PDB file of N, CA and C in Angstrom:
ATOM      1  N   MET A   1      81.286  81.033 117.013  1.00  0.00           N
ATOM      2  CA  MET A   1      81.886  82.021 116.090  1.00  0.00           C
ATOM      3  C   MET A   1      83.322  81.732 116.135  1.00  0.00           C
ATOM      4  N   VAL A   2      83.966  81.564 114.893  1.00  0.00           N
ATOM      5  CA  VAL A   2      85.438  81.458 114.941  1.00  0.00           C
ATOM      6  C   VAL A   2      85.886  82.762 114.673  1.00  0.00           C
ATOM      7  N   SER A   3      87.107  83.099 115.360  1.00  0.00           N
ATOM      8  CA  SER A   3      87.553  84.391 115.354  1.00  0.00           C
ATOM      9  C   SER A   3      89.082  84.281 115.021  1.00  0.00           C
ATOM     10  N   ARG A   4      89.516  85.470 114.363  1.00  0.00           N
ATOM     11  CA  ARG A   4      90.946  85.631 114.162  1.00  0.00           C
ATOM     12  C   ARG A   4      91.613  86.523 115.197  1.00  0.00           C
ATOM     13  N   LYS A   5      92.981  86.394 115.333  1.00  0.00           N
ATOM     14  CA  LYS A   5      93.663  87.212 116.195  1.00  0.00           C
ATOM     15  C   LYS A   5      93.746  88.539 115.668  1.00  0.00           C
ATOM     16  N   ILE A   6      93.606  89.409 116.739  1.00  0.00           N
ATOM     17  CA  ILE A   6      93.728  90.872 116.328  1.00  0.00           C
ATOM     18  C   ILE A   6      95.148  91.380 116.789  1.00  0.00           C
ATOM     19  N   ILE A   7      95.870  92.021 115.927  1.00  0.00           N
ATOM     20  CA  ILE A   7      97.171  92.623 116.358  1.00  0.00           C
ATOM     21  C   ILE A   7      97.130  94.176 116.088  1.00  0.00           C
ATOM     22  N   ILE A   8      97.188  94.795 117.003  1.00  0.00           N
ATOM     23  CA  ILE A   8      97.105  96.335 116.998  1.00  0.00           C
ATOM     24  C   ILE A   8      98.663  96.933 117.122  1.00  0.00           C
ATOM     25  N   LYS A   9      98.967  97.686 116.031  1.00  0.00           N
ATOM     26  CA  LYS A   9     100.304  98.223 115.975  1.00  0.00           C
ATOM     27  C   LYS A   9     100.345  99.432 117.041  1.00  0.00           C
ATOM     28  N   GLU A  10     101.520  99.612 117.611  1.00  0.00           N
ATOM     29  CA  GLU A  10     101.821 100.572 118.622  1.00  0.00           C
ATOM     30  C   GLU A  10     101.324 102.054 118.083  1.00  0.00           C
ATOM     31  N   SER A  11     101.484 102.302 116.855  1.00  0.00           N
ATOM     32  CA  SER A  11     101.142 103.620 116.272  1.00  0.00           C
ATOM     33  C   SER A  11      99.691 103.806 116.232  1.00  0.00           C
ATOM     34  N   VAL A  12      98.891 102.827 116.081  1.00  0.00           N
ATOM     35  CA  VAL A  12      97.442 102.816 116.259  1.00  0.00           C
ATOM     36  C   VAL A  12      96.971 103.073 117.656  1.00  0.00           C
ATOM     37  N   ALA A  13      97.567 102.436 118.664  1.00  0.00           N
ATOM     38  CA  ALA A  13      97.318 102.831 120.026  1.00  0.00           C
ATOM     39  C   ALA A  13      97.587 104.318 120.405  1.00  0.00           C
ATOM     40  N   GLU A  14      98.802 104.668 119.744  1.00  0.00           N
ATOM     41  CA  GLU A  14      99.053 106.133 120.096  1.00  0.00           C
ATOM     42  C   GLU A  14      98.150 106.973 119.434  1.00  0.00           C
ATOM     43  N   SER A  15      97.599 106.663 118.274  1.00  0.00           N
ATOM     44  CA  SER A  15      96.798 107.521 117.542  1.00  0.00           C
ATOM     45  C   SER A  15      95.425 107.632 118.357  1.00  0.00           C
ATOM     46  N   ILE A  16      94.882 106.466 118.859  1.00  0.00           N
ATOM     47  CA  ILE A  16      93.747 106.441 119.553  1.00  0.00           C
ATOM     48  C   ILE A  16      93.946 107.300 120.950  1.00  0.00           C
ATOM     49  N   ALA A  17      95.090 107.087 121.598  1.00  0.00           N
ATOM     50  CA  ALA A  17      95.377 107.855 122.776  1.00  0.00           C
ATOM     51  C   ALA A  17      95.334 109.292 122.637  1.00  0.00           C
ATOM     52  N   GLU A  18      96.047 109.790 121.425  1.00  0.00           N
ATOM     53  CA  GLU A  18      96.172 111.257 121.046  1.00  0.00           C
ATOM     54  C   GLU A  18      94.693 111.732 120.976  1.00  0.00           C
ATOM     55  N   ILE A  19      93.830 110.976 120.244  1.00  0.00           N
ATOM     56  CA  ILE A  19      92.524 111.525 119.993  1.00  0.00           C
ATOM     57  C   ILE A  19      91.771 111.557 121.420  1.00  0.00           C
ATOM     58  N   SER A  20      91.953 110.571 122.183  1.00  0.00           N
ATOM     59  CA  SER A  20      91.273 110.564 123.562  1.00  0.00           C
ATOM     60  C   SER A  20      91.871 111.840 124.387  1.00  0.00           C
ATOM     61  N   TRP A  21      93.064 111.978 124.367  1.00  0.00           N
ATOM     62  CA  TRP A  21      93.720 113.075 125.149  1.00  0.00           C
ATOM     63  C   TRP A  21      93.155 114.491 124.601  1.00  0.00           C
ATOM     64  N   TYR A  22      93.031 114.530 123.396  1.00  0.00           N
ATOM     65  CA  TYR A  22      92.484 115.815 122.801  1.00  0.00           C
ATOM     66  C   TYR A  22      91.006 116.051 123.389  1.00  0.00           C
ATOM     67  N   ILE A  23      90.132 115.013 123.354  1.00  0.00           N
ATOM     68  CA  ILE A  23      88.808 115.039 123.884  1.00  0.00           C
ATOM     69  C   ILE A  23      88.814 115.384 125.364  1.00  0.00           C
ATOM     70  N   GLU A  24      89.799 114.788 125.920  1.00  0.00           N
ATOM     71  CA  GLU A  24      89.919 115.047 127.518  1.00  0.00           C
ATOM     72  C   GLU A  24      90.415 116.464 127.732  1.00  0.00           C
ATOM     73  N   SER A  25      91.193 116.998 126.897  1.00  0.00           N
ATOM     74  CA  SER A  25      91.656 118.399 127.078  1.00  0.00           C
ATOM     75  C   SER A  25      90.664 119.371 126.811  1.00  0.00           C
ATOM     76  N   GLU A  26      89.631 119.002 126.134  1.00  0.00           N
ATOM     77  CA  GLU A  26      88.446 119.820 125.872  1.00  0.00           C
ATOM     78  C   GLU A  26      87.419 119.825 127.211  1.00  0.00           C
ATOM     79  N   GLY A  27      87.861 119.152 128.201  1.00  0.00           N
ATOM     80  CA  GLY A  27      87.100 119.084 129.372  1.00  0.00           C
ATOM     81  C   GLY A  27      86.038 117.895 129.416  1.00  0.00           C
ATOM     82  N   LEU A  28      86.256 117.001 128.601  1.00  0.00           N
ATOM     83  CA  LEU A  28      85.379 115.812 128.462  1.00  0.00           C
ATOM     84  C   LEU A  28      85.951 114.433 128.864  1.00  0.00           C
ATOM     85  N   PRO A  29      86.454 114.310 130.032  1.00  0.00           N
ATOM     86  CA  PRO A  29      87.201 113.078 130.407  1.00  0.00           C
ATOM     87  C   PRO A  29      86.367 111.809 130.190  1.00  0.00           C
ATOM     88  N   ALA A  30      85.090 111.918 130.595  1.00  0.00           N
ATOM     89  CA  ALA A  30      84.351 110.675 130.430  1.00  0.00           C
ATOM     90  C   ALA A  30      84.093 110.251 129.054  1.00  0.00           C
ATOM     91  N   THR A  31      83.902 111.297 128.149  1.00  0.00           N
ATOM     92  CA  THR A  31      83.634 111.075 126.774  1.00  0.00           C
ATOM     93  C   THR A  31      84.920 110.565 126.186  1.00  0.00           C
ATOM     94  N   ALA A  32      86.072 110.979 126.477  1.00  0.00           N
ATOM     95  CA  ALA A  32      87.441 110.499 126.072  1.00  0.00           C
ATOM     96  C   ALA A  32      87.560 108.961 126.267  1.00  0.00           C
ATOM     97  N   GLU A  33      87.305 108.638 127.496  1.00  0.00           N
ATOM     98  CA  GLU A  33      87.395 107.239 127.964  1.00  0.00           C
ATOM     99  C   GLU A  33      86.279 106.354 127.094  1.00  0.00           C
ATOM    100  N   LYS A  34      85.173 106.878 126.927  1.00  0.00           N
ATOM    101  CA  LYS A  34      84.188 106.115 126.286  1.00  0.00           C
ATOM    102  C   LYS A  34      84.519 106.046 124.785  1.00  0.00           C
ATOM    103  N   PHE A  35      85.122 107.040 124.147  1.00  0.00           N
ATOM    104  CA  PHE A  35      85.583 106.964 122.761  1.00  0.00           C
ATOM    105  C   PHE A  35      86.619 105.823 122.735  1.00  0.00           C
ATOM    106  N   ALA A  36      87.713 105.829 123.423  1.00  0.00           N
ATOM    107  CA  ALA A  36      88.755 104.738 123.386  1.00  0.00           C
ATOM    108  C   ALA A  36      88.002 103.329 123.510  1.00  0.00           C
ATOM    109  N   ASP A  37      87.260 103.283 124.484  1.00  0.00           N
ATOM    110  CA  ASP A  37      86.541 101.943 124.709  1.00  0.00           C
ATOM    111  C   ASP A  37      85.729 101.474 123.507  1.00  0.00           C
ATOM    112  N   HIS A  38      85.035 102.385 122.925  1.00  0.00           N
ATOM    113  CA  HIS A  38      84.253 102.145 121.760  1.00  0.00           C
ATOM    114  C   HIS A  38      85.197 101.775 120.511  1.00  0.00           C
ATOM    115  N   VAL A  39      86.210 102.431 120.373  1.00  0.00           N
ATOM    116  CA  VAL A  39      87.158 102.188 119.175  1.00  0.00           C
ATOM    117  C   VAL A  39      87.755 100.626 119.470  1.00  0.00           C
ATOM    118  N   TYR A  40      88.085 100.384 120.590  1.00  0.00           N
ATOM    119  CA  TYR A  40      88.757  99.029 120.871  1.00  0.00           C
ATOM    120  C   TYR A  40      87.603  97.985 120.747  1.00  0.00           C
ATOM    121  N   ASP A  41      86.486  98.126 121.277  1.00  0.00           N
ATOM    122  CA  ASP A  41      85.361  97.261 121.089  1.00  0.00           C
ATOM    123  C   ASP A  41      85.011  96.966 119.592  1.00  0.00           C
ATOM    124  N   PHE A  42      85.141  97.954 118.822  1.00  0.00           N
ATOM    125  CA  PHE A  42      84.800  97.928 117.326  1.00  0.00           C
ATOM    126  C   PHE A  42      85.881  97.120 116.785  1.00  0.00           C
ATOM    127  N   ILE A  43      87.192  97.314 117.179  1.00  0.00           N
ATOM    128  CA  ILE A  43      88.249  96.627 116.505  1.00  0.00           C
ATOM    129  C   ILE A  43      88.223  95.123 117.011  1.00  0.00           C
ATOM    130  N   GLN A  44      87.772  94.797 118.129  1.00  0.00           N
ATOM    131  CA  GLN A  44      87.658  93.434 118.484  1.00  0.00           C
ATOM    132  C   GLN A  44      86.571  92.675 117.656  1.00  0.00           C
ATOM    133  N   LYS A  45      85.544  93.438 117.232  1.00  0.00           N
ATOM    134  CA  LYS A  45      84.419  92.911 116.467  1.00  0.00           C
ATOM    135  C   LYS A  45      84.979  92.592 114.922  1.00  0.00           C
ATOM    136  N   LEU A  46      86.013  93.072 114.628  1.00  0.00           N
ATOM    137  CA  LEU A  46      86.596  92.762 113.266  1.00  0.00           C
ATOM    138  C   LEU A  46      87.142  91.359 113.249  1.00  0.00           C
ATOM    139  N   ALA A  47      87.438  90.781 114.393  1.00  0.00           N
ATOM    140  CA  ALA A  47      87.956  89.209 114.368  1.00  0.00           C
ATOM    141  C   ALA A  47      87.026  88.215 113.787  1.00  0.00           C
ATOM    142  N   ASP A  48      85.810  88.598 113.504  1.00  0.00           N
ATOM    143  CA  ASP A  48      84.828  87.541 113.024  1.00  0.00           C
ATOM    144  C   ASP A  48      85.442  86.931 111.748  1.00  0.00           C
ATOM    145  N   ASN A  49      85.594  85.607 111.657  1.00  0.00           N
ATOM    146  CA  ASN A  49      86.069  85.041 110.575  1.00  0.00           C
ATOM    147  C   ASN A  49      85.277  84.905 109.402  1.00  0.00           C
ATOM    148  N   ARG A  50      83.940  85.160 109.557  1.00  0.00           N
ATOM    149  CA  ARG A  50      83.077  85.130 108.452  1.00  0.00           C
ATOM    150  C   ARG A  50      83.017  86.249 107.539  1.00  0.00           C
ATOM    151  N   LYS A  51      83.591  87.403 107.960  1.00  0.00           N
ATOM    152  CA  LYS A  51      83.490  88.607 107.216  1.00  0.00           C
ATOM    153  C   LYS A  51      84.813  88.852 106.507  1.00  0.00           C
ATOM    154  N   ARG A  52      84.714  89.616 105.354  1.00  0.00           N
ATOM    155  CA  ARG A  52      85.877  89.914 104.612  1.00  0.00           C
ATOM    156  C   ARG A  52      85.669  91.415 104.417  1.00  0.00           C
ATOM    157  N   TYR A  53      86.819  92.224 104.232  1.00  0.00           N
ATOM    158  CA  TYR A  53      86.661  93.626 104.180  1.00  0.00           C
ATOM    159  C   TYR A  53      87.141  94.066 102.800  1.00  0.00           C
ATOM    160  N   LYS A  54      86.638  95.238 102.394  1.00  0.00           N
ATOM    161  CA  LYS A  54      87.030  95.752 101.189  1.00  0.00           C
ATOM    162  C   LYS A  54      88.216  96.487 101.086  1.00  0.00           C
ATOM    163  N   THR A  55      89.009  96.471  99.812  1.00  0.00           N
ATOM    164  CA  THR A  55      90.328  97.142  99.735  1.00  0.00           C
ATOM    165  C   THR A  55      90.122  98.697  99.832  1.00  0.00           C
ATOM    166  N   CYS A  56      91.087  99.416 100.158  1.00  0.00           N
ATOM    167  CA  CYS A  56      91.058 100.800 100.224  1.00  0.00           C
ATOM    168  C   CYS A  56      90.950 101.373  98.793  1.00  0.00           C
ATOM    169  N   ARG A  57      90.447 102.697  98.813  1.00  0.00           N
ATOM    170  CA  ARG A  57      90.306 103.320  97.445  1.00  0.00           C
ATOM    171  C   ARG A  57      91.592 104.179  97.317  1.00  0.00           C
ATOM    172  N   ASP A  58      92.532 104.334  98.237  1.00  0.00           N
ATOM    173  CA  ASP A  58      93.746 105.016  97.937  1.00  0.00           C
ATOM    174  C   ASP A  58      94.856 104.157  97.138  1.00  0.00           C
ATOM    175  N   PRO A  59      95.258 104.613  96.067  1.00  0.00           N
ATOM    176  CA  PRO A  59      96.115 103.849  95.280  1.00  0.00           C
ATOM    177  C   PRO A  59      97.391 103.325  95.884  1.00  0.00           C
ATOM    178  N   GLN A  60      97.965 104.085  96.827  1.00  0.00           N
ATOM    179  CA  GLN A  60      99.138 103.662  97.522  1.00  0.00           C
ATOM    180  C   GLN A  60      98.724 102.239  98.469  1.00  0.00           C
ATOM    181  N   ARG A  61      97.591 102.473  99.155  1.00  0.00           N
ATOM    182  CA  ARG A  61      97.280 101.441 100.021  1.00  0.00           C
ATOM    183  C   ARG A  61      96.768 100.204  99.293  1.00  0.00           C
ATOM    184  N   ILE A  62      96.209 100.373  98.086  1.00  0.00           N
ATOM    185  CA  ILE A  62      95.857  99.220  97.259  1.00  0.00           C
ATOM    186  C   ILE A  62      97.042  98.415  96.885  1.00  0.00           C
ATOM    187  N   LEU A  63      98.184  99.094  96.550  1.00  0.00           N
ATOM    188  CA  LEU A  63      99.480  98.352  96.080  1.00  0.00           C
ATOM    189  C   LEU A  63     100.012  97.588  97.322  1.00  0.00           C
ATOM    190  N   MET A  64      99.822  98.072  98.554  1.00  0.00           N
ATOM    191  CA  MET A  64     100.265  97.435  99.697  1.00  0.00           C
ATOM    192  C   MET A  64      99.473  96.376 100.197  1.00  0.00           C
ATOM    193  N   GLY A  65      98.198  96.190  99.637  1.00  0.00           N
ATOM    194  CA  GLY A  65      97.321  95.196 100.045  1.00  0.00           C
ATOM    195  C   GLY A  65      96.448  95.493 101.240  1.00  0.00           C
ATOM    196  N   TYR A  66      96.269  96.730 101.659  1.00  0.00           N
ATOM    197  CA  TYR A  66      95.564  97.143 102.813  1.00  0.00           C
ATOM    198  C   TYR A  66      94.092  97.274 102.616  1.00  0.00           C
ATOM    199  N   LYS A  67      93.308  97.049 103.633  1.00  0.00           N
ATOM    200  CA  LYS A  67      91.973  97.126 103.608  1.00  0.00           C
ATOM    201  C   LYS A  67      91.562  98.268 104.383  1.00  0.00           C
ATOM    202  N   CYS A  68      90.421  98.976 104.211  1.00  0.00           N
ATOM    203  CA  CYS A  68      90.085 100.153 104.868  1.00  0.00           C
ATOM    204  C   CYS A  68      88.648  99.984 105.435  1.00  0.00           C
ATOM    205  N   LEU A  69      88.328 100.496 106.518  1.00  0.00           N
ATOM    206  CA  LEU A  69      87.127 100.577 107.198  1.00  0.00           C
ATOM    207  C   LEU A  69      86.841 101.925 107.849  1.00  0.00           C
ATOM    208  N   ASN A  70      85.544 102.352 107.581  1.00  0.00           N
ATOM    209  CA  ASN A  70      85.223 103.705 108.251  1.00  0.00           C
ATOM    210  C   ASN A  70      84.680 103.298 109.691  1.00  0.00           C
ATOM    211  N   TYR A  71      85.009 104.291 110.576  1.00  0.00           N
ATOM    212  CA  TYR A  71      84.592 104.186 111.872  1.00  0.00           C
ATOM    213  C   TYR A  71      83.870 105.567 112.256  1.00  0.00           C
ATOM    214  N   LYS A  72      82.569 105.462 112.453  1.00  0.00           N
ATOM    215  CA  LYS A  72      81.812 106.558 112.657  1.00  0.00           C
ATOM    216  C   LYS A  72      81.864 107.725 111.662  1.00  0.00           C
ATOM    217  N   LYS A  73      82.182 107.402 110.408  1.00  0.00           N
ATOM    218  CA  LYS A  73      82.366 108.167 109.276  1.00  0.00           C
ATOM    219  C   LYS A  73      83.464 109.310 109.400  1.00  0.00           C
ATOM    220  N   LYS A  74      84.070 109.461 110.589  1.00  0.00           N
ATOM    221  CA  LYS A  74      85.092 110.443 110.796  1.00  0.00           C
ATOM    222  C   LYS A  74      86.489 109.846 110.780  1.00  0.00           C
ATOM    223  N   TYR A  75      86.633 108.559 111.020  1.00  0.00           N
ATOM    224  CA  TYR A  75      87.992 107.922 111.109  1.00  0.00           C
ATOM    225  C   TYR A  75      88.031 106.739 110.173  1.00  0.00           C
ATOM    226  N   THR A  76      89.293 106.383 109.744  1.00  0.00           N
ATOM    227  CA  THR A  76      89.477 105.221 108.884  1.00  0.00           C
ATOM    228  C   THR A  76      90.462 104.337 109.564  1.00  0.00           C
ATOM    229  N   ILE A  77      90.020 103.071 109.634  1.00  0.00           N
ATOM    230  CA  ILE A  77      90.826 101.944 110.134  1.00  0.00           C
ATOM    231  C   ILE A  77      91.527 101.388 108.940  1.00  0.00           C
ATOM    232  N   VAL A  78      92.870 101.311 108.834  1.00  0.00           N
ATOM    233  CA  VAL A  78      93.489 100.461 107.919  1.00  0.00           C
ATOM    234  C   VAL A  78      94.167  99.197 108.516  1.00  0.00           C
ATOM    235  N   LEU A  79      93.893  98.158 107.654  1.00  0.00           N
ATOM    236  CA  LEU A  79      94.316  96.913 108.217  1.00  0.00           C
ATOM    237  C   LEU A  79      94.765  95.939 107.188  1.00  0.00           C
ATOM    238  N   ILE A  80      95.484  94.891 107.608  1.00  0.00           N
ATOM    239  CA  ILE A  80      95.874  93.777 106.679  1.00  0.00           C
ATOM    240  C   ILE A  80      95.040  92.629 107.079  1.00  0.00           C
ATOM    241  N   GLU A  81      94.407  91.925 106.243  1.00  0.00           N
ATOM    242  CA  GLU A  81      93.482  90.754 106.528  1.00  0.00           C
ATOM    243  C   GLU A  81      94.161  89.563 106.100  1.00  0.00           C
ATOM    244  N   LEU A  82      94.372  88.648 107.036  1.00  0.00           N
ATOM    245  CA  LEU A  82      94.865  87.334 106.769  1.00  0.00           C
ATOM    246  C   LEU A  82      93.906  86.338 107.278  1.00  0.00           C
ATOM    247  N   ASP A  83      94.090  85.002 106.808  1.00  0.00           N
ATOM    248  CA  ASP A  83      93.195  83.986 107.278  1.00  0.00           C
ATOM    249  C   ASP A  83      93.062  83.765 108.842  1.00  0.00           C
ATOM    250  N   THR A  84      94.253  83.858 109.474  1.00  0.00           N
ATOM    251  CA  THR A  84      94.249  83.552 110.812  1.00  0.00           C
ATOM    252  C   THR A  84      94.360  84.943 111.688  1.00  0.00           C
ATOM    253  N   GLU A  85      94.618  86.121 111.172  1.00  0.00           N
ATOM    254  CA  GLU A  85      94.728  87.235 112.052  1.00  0.00           C
ATOM    255  C   GLU A  85      94.472  88.465 111.203  1.00  0.00           C
ATOM    256  N   ILE A  86      94.259  89.586 111.862  1.00  0.00           N
ATOM    257  CA  ILE A  86      94.032  90.863 111.380  1.00  0.00           C
ATOM    258  C   ILE A  86      95.033  91.858 112.097  1.00  0.00           C
ATOM    259  N   ILE A  87      95.798  92.572 111.205  1.00  0.00           N
ATOM    260  CA  ILE A  87      96.788  93.533 111.670  1.00  0.00           C
ATOM    261  C   ILE A  87      96.211  94.854 111.425  1.00  0.00           C
ATOM    262  N   ILE A  88      95.967  95.597 112.507  1.00  0.00           N
ATOM    263  CA  ILE A  88      95.585  96.997 112.450  1.00  0.00           C
ATOM    264  C   ILE A  88      96.733  97.835 112.337  1.00  0.00           C
ATOM    265  N   CYS A  89      96.860  98.475 111.120  1.00  0.00           N
ATOM    266  CA  CYS A  89      98.062  99.297 110.702  1.00  0.00           C
ATOM    267  C   CYS A  89      98.046 100.783 111.077  1.00  0.00           C
ATOM    268  N   ASP A  90      96.735 101.256 110.890  1.00  0.00           N
ATOM    269  CA  ASP A  90      96.552 102.700 110.985  1.00  0.00           C
ATOM    270  C   ASP A  90      95.116 103.061 111.515  1.00  0.00           C
ATOM    271  N   PHE A  91      95.134 104.210 112.272  1.00  0.00           N
ATOM    272  CA  PHE A  91      93.770 104.705 112.669  1.00  0.00           C
ATOM    273  C   PHE A  91      93.909 106.268 112.585  1.00  0.00           C
ATOM    274  N   LEU A  92      93.273 106.801 111.457  1.00  0.00           N
ATOM    275  CA  LEU A  92      93.471 108.217 111.273  1.00  0.00           C
ATOM    276  C   LEU A  92      92.133 108.910 110.850  1.00  0.00           C
ATOM    277  N   PRO A  93      92.006 110.230 111.022  1.00  0.00           N
ATOM    278  CA  PRO A  93      90.901 110.820 110.506  1.00  0.00           C
ATOM    279  C   PRO A  93      90.725 110.705 108.998  1.00  0.00           C
ATOM    280  N   SER A  94      89.431 110.431 108.565  1.00  0.00           N
ATOM    281  CA  SER A  94      89.129 110.128 107.149  1.00  0.00           C
ATOM    282  C   SER A  94      89.620 111.368 106.250  1.00  0.00           C
ATOM    283  N   LYS A  95      89.591 112.494 106.800  1.00  0.00           N
ATOM    284  CA  LYS A  95      89.891 113.629 106.027  1.00  0.00           C
ATOM    285  C   LYS A  95      91.525 113.764 105.609  1.00  0.00           C
ATOM    286  N   MET A  96      92.227 112.953 106.373  1.00  0.00           N
ATOM    287  CA  MET A  96      93.643 112.849 106.132  1.00  0.00           C
ATOM    288  C   MET A  96      94.095 112.103 105.017  1.00  0.00           C
ATOM    289  N   ILE A  97      93.106 111.337 104.437  1.00  0.00           N
ATOM    290  CA  ILE A  97      93.488 110.541 103.241  1.00  0.00           C
ATOM    291  C   ILE A  97      93.359 111.235 101.961  1.00  0.00           C
ATOM    292  N   HIS A  98      94.487 111.548 101.314  1.00  0.00           N
ATOM    293  CA  HIS A  98      94.446 112.334 100.074  1.00  0.00           C
ATOM    294  C   HIS A  98      94.935 111.428  98.980  1.00  0.00           C
ATOM    295  N   TRP A  99      94.216 111.567  97.943  1.00  0.00           N
ATOM    296  CA  TRP A  99      94.605 110.798  96.711  1.00  0.00           C
ATOM    297  C   TRP A  99      93.938 111.396  95.381  1.00  0.00           C
TER     298      TRP A  99
END
């Protein structure tokens, strides 16, 4: 399997950490760690060179050339897809996308 390089922006890592921190503050530290691990595992699977991802439905993100993926129906991963790499630009709750 040929894979592309995955680049995760600092803001994405902070978003994932904030969500994990919230889960942990609710008294679920094991679940918080599991959530973060699953998100990063999912992001690593995006490196498969055989897959192409669909453009976002949000008009502003379409103009910028972003692609969007759902993660567990609650979160959206916004990325830029290139031939040799994938840049993860945003990780946000799906309900935060308004258009």
